[in-house]
Amino acid sequence: MSTLKKNKRIKRAKQLELYGDLKPGRGNSLSQRGKPKYLGGNGRKTTGITRRKFKRNIRKIQIIEDGQIVRRRVPVSLIRSGRIEKPLVTDPFALPAE
């Protein structure tokens, strides 16, 4: 095993630990017809099943990682929960405070 592959695996494991798996979940989409029984119908009938993806709500933002500012693809759920540390935005034309 080369060192390059090992470093890549370590980097990927660290990213998985921080942000979780960013791959979409899998599921089915049902096409149905008919009226439900509780509404007075004969019941719903499934006419087709297709595979679909449940995609994560991912945004590309700047974050602080190991003391450096880097750009990463991060789920919005982590941003909202406060687990992601964003860099402070400073006004470029502001005078320094005395």
Protein backbone atom coordinates (compact mmCIF):
# COMPACT_ATOMS: atom_id res chain seq x y z
CA MET A 1 0.00 0.00 0.00
CA SER A 2 1.43 3.35 -0.99
CA THR A 3 1.62 6.31 1.36
CA LEU A 4 -0.51 8.37 -1.03
CA LYS A 5 -3.44 5.95 -0.77
CA LYS A 6 -3.07 5.79 3.01
CA ASN A 7 -3.10 9.59 3.33
CA LYS A 8 -6.14 9.77 1.05
CA ARG A 9 -7.98 7.22 3.23
CA ILE A 10 -7.07 9.10 6.41
CA LYS A 11 -8.30 12.37 4.88
CA ARG A 12 -11.57 10.73 3.74
CA ALA A 13 -12.15 9.15 7.17
CA LYS A 14 -11.64 12.53 8.84
CA GLN A 15 -14.10 14.17 6.44
CA LEU A 16 -16.68 11.42 7.10
CA GLU A 17 -16.29 11.94 10.84
CA LEU A 18 -16.85 15.71 10.54
CA TYR A 19 -19.64 15.94 7.94
CA GLY A 20 -21.07 12.44 7.67
CA ASP A 21 -21.66 10.68 4.38
CA LEU A 22 -22.80 13.17 1.72
CA LYS A 23 -24.12 10.49 -0.62
CA PRO A 24 -27.87 10.57 -1.35
CA GLY A 25 -30.18 8.04 0.29
CA ARG A 26 -32.12 5.63 -1.90
CA GLY A 27 -35.82 4.91 -1.98
CA ASN A 28 -38.85 4.30 -4.17
CA SER A 29 -41.37 6.61 -5.80
CA LEU A 30 -44.86 5.14 -6.18
CA SER A 31 -47.36 5.99 -8.90
CA GLN A 32 -50.88 5.27 -7.68
CA ARG A 33 -54.45 5.59 -8.86
CA GLY A 34 -57.81 5.30 -7.16
CA LYS A 35 -59.55 6.84 -4.20
CA PRO A 36 -58.63 5.85 -0.60
CA LYS A 37 -61.13 3.69 1.28
CA TYR A 38 -61.50 6.21 4.10
CA LEU A 39 -62.74 8.71 1.50
CA GLY A 40 -65.32 6.26 0.16
CA GLY A 41 -63.30 4.68 -2.63
CA ASN A 42 -62.28 1.14 -3.46
CA GLY A 43 -58.67 1.63 -2.32
CA ARG A 44 -55.41 2.88 -3.83
CA LYS A 45 -53.70 0.72 -6.47
CA THR A 46 -49.97 1.00 -7.24
CA THR A 47 -49.37 1.29 -11.00
CA GLY A 48 -45.61 1.81 -11.02
CA ILE A 49 -42.52 1.83 -8.80
CA THR A 50 -39.37 3.75 -9.75
CA ARG A 51 -36.09 4.23 -7.87
CA ARG A 52 -35.28 7.72 -6.59
CA LYS A 53 -32.66 9.54 -4.53
CA PHE A 54 -33.16 11.53 -1.34
CA LYS A 55 -30.50 14.22 -1.79
CA ARG A 56 -28.89 16.03 1.14
CA ASN A 57 -29.29 19.81 1.30
CA ILE A 58 -25.62 20.68 0.64
CA ARG A 59 -24.08 24.14 0.36
CA LYS A 60 -20.52 25.11 -0.57
CA ILE A 61 -19.24 27.49 2.13
CA GLN A 62 -16.03 28.65 3.76
CA ILE A 63 -15.33 27.06 7.14
CA ILE A 64 -12.51 26.97 9.67
CA GLU A 65 -10.84 23.55 9.63
CA ASP A 66 -7.66 22.92 11.66
CA GLY A 67 -7.15 26.68 12.08
CA GLN A 68 -7.32 27.37 8.32
CA ILE A 69 -10.12 28.75 6.18
CA VAL A 70 -11.16 26.21 3.55
CA ARG A 71 -14.11 25.81 1.18
CA ARG A 72 -16.17 22.65 1.73
CA ARG A 73 -19.49 21.11 0.70
CA VAL A 74 -21.45 20.96 3.96
CA PRO A 75 -25.01 19.88 4.80
CA VAL A 76 -27.25 22.74 5.92
CA SER A 77 -28.31 20.69 8.96
CA LEU A 78 -24.76 20.95 10.34
CA ILE A 79 -24.63 24.71 9.70
CA ARG A 80 -27.94 25.25 11.51
CA SER A 81 -26.96 23.06 14.45
CA GLY A 82 -23.78 25.10 15.00
CA ARG A 83 -21.36 22.18 14.53
CA ILE A 84 -19.63 24.06 11.67
CA GLU A 85 -17.43 27.04 12.55
CA LYS A 86 -17.59 29.85 9.99
CA PRO A 87 -14.87 32.51 9.70
CA LEU A 88 -15.67 36.02 10.93
CA VAL A 89 -16.51 38.38 8.09
CA THR A 90 -14.76 41.75 8.39
CA ASP A 91 -15.45 44.93 6.44
CA PRO A 92 -12.51 45.44 4.02
CA PHE A 93 -12.73 49.26 4.21
CA ALA A 94 -13.24 49.66 7.97
CA LEU A 95 -10.61 51.60 9.92
CA PRO A 96 -8.83 49.64 12.66
CA ALA A 97 -10.21 50.22 16.14
CA GLU A 98 -7.98 52.27 18.41
